[in-house]
Amino acid sequence: MTQAVLEGVAFSFRDALEGLAESGTVITEADVIGGGSRSPLWTSILANVLGITLHRLANGEQGGAFGAARLARIAVTGEDVSAVCLPPERVASIMPDDRLSGPIVRLMPVTVHSTLP
């Protein structure tokens, strides 16, 4: 049951990824953050459903809180953004497994939502 929920969430991400691609923004890889980024199962499901390489970051489980702390630091100290917001270190890359990713894409087409009047 848990895996089905994770897969459902992953397909929601895939729907958004396809929407971005249709509007001209093609994403070929992404960084994963938040507590779930520590889970090999979750990142594997995501990579396979999205069909892109995902990167786990050092301290990525801190997610948005770390970014918010950086913004607060910049606001309080006036430091230069480029000095505070350094690129995170990628500690692992999770690539989609073609044996799983291909069939997922063929069997589960993305539903394109039309704009309501």
C-alpha atoms as a PDB file:
ATOM      1  CA  MET A   1       0.000   0.000   0.000  1.00  0.00           C
ATOM      2  CA  THR A   2       2.801   2.405   0.879  1.00  0.00           C
ATOM      3  CA  GLN A   3       4.550   1.776  -2.419  1.00  0.00           C
ATOM      4  CA  ALA A   4       1.300   2.493  -4.287  1.00  0.00           C
ATOM      5  CA  VAL A   5       1.031   5.853  -2.530  1.00  0.00           C
ATOM      6  CA  LEU A   6       4.649   6.695  -3.376  1.00  0.00           C
ATOM      7  CA  GLU A   7       4.070   5.719  -7.001  1.00  0.00           C
ATOM      8  CA  GLY A   8       0.935   7.869  -7.136  1.00  0.00           C
ATOM      9  CA  VAL A   9       2.871  10.876  -5.876  1.00  0.00           C
ATOM     10  CA  ALA A  10       5.647  10.156  -8.384  1.00  0.00           C
ATOM     11  CA  PHE A  11       3.108  10.104 -11.224  1.00  0.00           C
ATOM     12  CA  SER A  12       1.810  13.494 -10.055  1.00  0.00           C
ATOM     13  CA  PHE A  13       5.367  14.803 -10.370  1.00  0.00           C
ATOM     14  CA  ARG A  14       5.593  13.205 -13.805  1.00  0.00           C
ATOM     15  CA  ASP A  15       2.376  14.944 -14.851  1.00  0.00           C
ATOM     16  CA  ALA A  16       3.933  18.280 -13.825  1.00  0.00           C
ATOM     17  CA  LEU A  17       7.197  17.407 -15.598  1.00  0.00           C
ATOM     18  CA  GLU A  18       5.297  16.693 -18.817  1.00  0.00           C
ATOM     19  CA  GLY A  19       3.363  19.955 -18.457  1.00  0.00           C
ATOM     20  CA  LEU A  20       6.614  21.871 -18.153  1.00  0.00           C
ATOM     21  CA  ALA A  21       8.012  20.079 -21.216  1.00  0.00           C
ATOM     22  CA  GLU A  22       4.927  20.991 -23.251  1.00  0.00           C
ATOM     23  CA  SER A  23       5.466  24.645 -22.361  1.00  0.00           C
ATOM     24  CA  GLY A  24       9.103  24.519 -23.466  1.00  0.00           C
ATOM     25  CA  THR A  25      10.934  23.749 -20.217  1.00  0.00           C
ATOM     26  CA  VAL A  26      12.553  20.329 -20.510  1.00  0.00           C
ATOM     27  CA  ILE A  27      14.085  18.963 -17.316  1.00  0.00           C
ATOM     28  CA  THR A  28      16.659  16.223 -17.838  1.00  0.00           C
ATOM     29  CA  GLU A  29      17.919  15.869 -14.253  1.00  0.00           C
ATOM     30  CA  ALA A  30      16.970  17.183 -10.818  1.00  0.00           C
ATOM     31  CA  ASP A  31      18.139  17.391  -7.219  1.00  0.00           C
ATOM     32  CA  VAL A  32      16.008  15.771  -4.510  1.00  0.00           C
ATOM     33  CA  ILE A  33      15.703  17.380  -1.086  1.00  0.00           C
ATOM     34  CA  GLY A  34      13.732  16.850   2.101  1.00  0.00           C
ATOM     35  CA  GLY A  35      13.507  13.836   4.370  1.00  0.00           C
ATOM     36  CA  GLY A  36      12.411  11.575   1.539  1.00  0.00           C
ATOM     37  CA  SER A  37      15.678  12.184  -0.275  1.00  0.00           C
ATOM     38  CA  ARG A  38      17.321   9.773   2.199  1.00  0.00           C
ATOM     39  CA  SER A  39      15.118   6.894   1.039  1.00  0.00           C
ATOM     40  CA  PRO A  40      16.611   4.695  -1.693  1.00  0.00           C
ATOM     41  CA  LEU A  41      13.129   3.301  -2.428  1.00  0.00           C
ATOM     42  CA  TRP A  42      11.534   6.733  -2.874  1.00  0.00           C
ATOM     43  CA  THR A  43      14.329   8.154  -5.022  1.00  0.00           C
ATOM     44  CA  SER A  44      14.349   4.992  -7.146  1.00  0.00           C
ATOM     45  CA  ILE A  45      10.586   5.190  -7.710  1.00  0.00           C
ATOM     46  CA  LEU A  46      10.898   8.866  -8.626  1.00  0.00           C
ATOM     47  CA  ALA A  47      13.769   8.302 -11.047  1.00  0.00           C
ATOM     48  CA  ASN A  48      11.967   5.417 -12.752  1.00  0.00           C
ATOM     49  CA  VAL A  49       8.625   7.194 -13.087  1.00  0.00           C
ATOM     50  CA  LEU A  50      10.145  10.525 -14.154  1.00  0.00           C
ATOM     51  CA  GLY A  51      12.703   8.887 -16.425  1.00  0.00           C
ATOM     52  CA  ILE A  52      15.438  11.314 -15.372  1.00  0.00           C
ATOM     53  CA  THR A  53      18.554  11.180 -13.220  1.00  0.00           C
ATOM     54  CA  LEU A  54      18.092  12.469  -9.687  1.00  0.00           C
ATOM     55  CA  HIS A  55      20.849  13.730  -7.399  1.00  0.00           C
ATOM     56  CA  ARG A  56      20.865  13.415  -3.626  1.00  0.00           C
ATOM     57  CA  LEU A  57      22.529  16.348  -1.877  1.00  0.00           C
ATOM     58  CA  ALA A  58      24.698  16.550   1.222  1.00  0.00           C
ATOM     59  CA  ASN A  59      22.358  17.604   4.034  1.00  0.00           C
ATOM     60  CA  GLY A  60      19.490  17.534   1.533  1.00  0.00           C
ATOM     61  CA  GLU A  61      17.085  16.331   4.198  1.00  0.00           C
ATOM     62  CA  GLN A  62      17.145  19.859   5.611  1.00  0.00           C
ATOM     63  CA  GLY A  63      15.280  20.886   2.483  1.00  0.00           C
ATOM     64  CA  GLY A  64      13.701  24.289   2.359  1.00  0.00           C
ATOM     65  CA  ALA A  65      14.618  25.165   5.953  1.00  0.00           C
ATOM     66  CA  PHE A  66      18.267  25.587   4.983  1.00  0.00           C
ATOM     67  CA  GLY A  67      17.316  27.833   2.067  1.00  0.00           C
ATOM     68  CA  ALA A  68      15.102  29.928   4.324  1.00  0.00           C
ATOM     69  CA  ALA A  69      17.959  30.283   6.815  1.00  0.00           C
ATOM     70  CA  ARG A  70      20.259  31.444   4.022  1.00  0.00           C
ATOM     71  CA  LEU A  71      17.747  34.059   2.898  1.00  0.00           C
ATOM     72  CA  ALA A  72      17.370  35.288   6.487  1.00  0.00           C
ATOM     73  CA  ARG A  73      21.163  35.540   6.804  1.00  0.00           C
ATOM     74  CA  ILE A  74      21.356  37.619   3.620  1.00  0.00           C
ATOM     75  CA  ALA A  75      18.548  39.890   4.818  1.00  0.00           C
ATOM     76  CA  VAL A  76      20.157  40.447   8.231  1.00  0.00           C
ATOM     77  CA  THR A  77      23.809  40.750   7.228  1.00  0.00           C
ATOM     78  CA  GLY A  78      23.531  42.197   3.732  1.00  0.00           C
ATOM     79  CA  GLU A  79      26.021  39.615   2.490  1.00  0.00           C
ATOM     80  CA  ASP A  80      26.266  38.978  -1.225  1.00  0.00           C
ATOM     81  CA  VAL A  81      23.943  36.222  -2.428  1.00  0.00           C
ATOM     82  CA  SER A  82      26.742  34.486  -4.333  1.00  0.00           C
ATOM     83  CA  ALA A  83      28.827  34.261  -1.151  1.00  0.00           C
ATOM     84  CA  VAL A  84      26.028  32.666   0.886  1.00  0.00           C
ATOM     85  CA  CYS A  85      24.109  30.546  -1.628  1.00  0.00           C
ATOM     86  CA  LEU A  86      26.796  28.143  -2.732  1.00  0.00           C
ATOM     87  CA  PRO A  87      25.856  25.127  -4.854  1.00  0.00           C
ATOM     88  CA  PRO A  88      25.178  22.049  -2.723  1.00  0.00           C
ATOM     89  CA  GLU A  89      27.405  19.000  -2.935  1.00  0.00           C
ATOM     90  CA  ARG A  90      25.857  16.093  -4.816  1.00  0.00           C
ATOM     91  CA  VAL A  91      26.568  12.895  -2.891  1.00  0.00           C
ATOM     92  CA  ALA A  92      24.725  10.348  -5.033  1.00  0.00           C
ATOM     93  CA  SER A  93      23.062  10.075  -8.421  1.00  0.00           C
ATOM     94  CA  ILE A  94      20.041   7.864  -8.950  1.00  0.00           C
ATOM     95  CA  MET A  95      19.491   6.942 -12.583  1.00  0.00           C
ATOM     96  CA  PRO A  96      16.297   5.437 -13.925  1.00  0.00           C
ATOM     97  CA  ASP A  97      16.411   1.709 -14.572  1.00  0.00           C
ATOM     98  CA  ASP A  98      15.504   1.305 -18.252  1.00  0.00           C
ATOM     99  CA  ARG A  99      14.016  -2.117 -17.513  1.00  0.00           C
ATOM    100  CA  LEU A 100      11.435  -0.389 -15.288  1.00  0.00           C
ATOM    101  CA  SER A 101      11.257   3.144 -16.638  1.00  0.00           C
ATOM    102  CA  GLY A 102      10.467   2.181 -20.250  1.00  0.00           C
ATOM    103  CA  PRO A 103       7.449   0.009 -19.432  1.00  0.00           C
ATOM    104  CA  ILE A 104       6.148   2.606 -16.977  1.00  0.00           C
ATOM    105  CA  VAL A 105       6.191   5.289 -19.661  1.00  0.00           C
ATOM    106  CA  ARG A 106       4.479   3.015 -22.209  1.00  0.00           C
ATOM    107  CA  LEU A 107       1.838   1.602 -19.873  1.00  0.00           C
ATOM    108  CA  MET A 108       0.960   4.712 -17.903  1.00  0.00           C
ATOM    109  CA  PRO A 109       0.464   7.634 -20.298  1.00  0.00           C
ATOM    110  CA  VAL A 110       0.313  11.055 -18.733  1.00  0.00           C
ATOM    111  CA  THR A 111      -3.091  12.704 -18.747  1.00  0.00           C
ATOM    112  CA  VAL A 112      -2.935  16.188 -20.179  1.00  0.00           C
ATOM    113  CA  HIS A 113      -5.405  18.461 -18.450  1.00  0.00           C
ATOM    114  CA  SER A 114      -7.229  20.953 -20.609  1.00  0.00           C
ATOM    115  CA  THR A 115      -7.769  24.462 -19.360  1.00  0.00           C
ATOM    116  CA  LEU A 116     -11.300  24.980 -18.113  1.00  0.00           C
ATOM    117  CA  PRO A 117     -13.222  27.972 -19.521  1.00  0.00           C
END
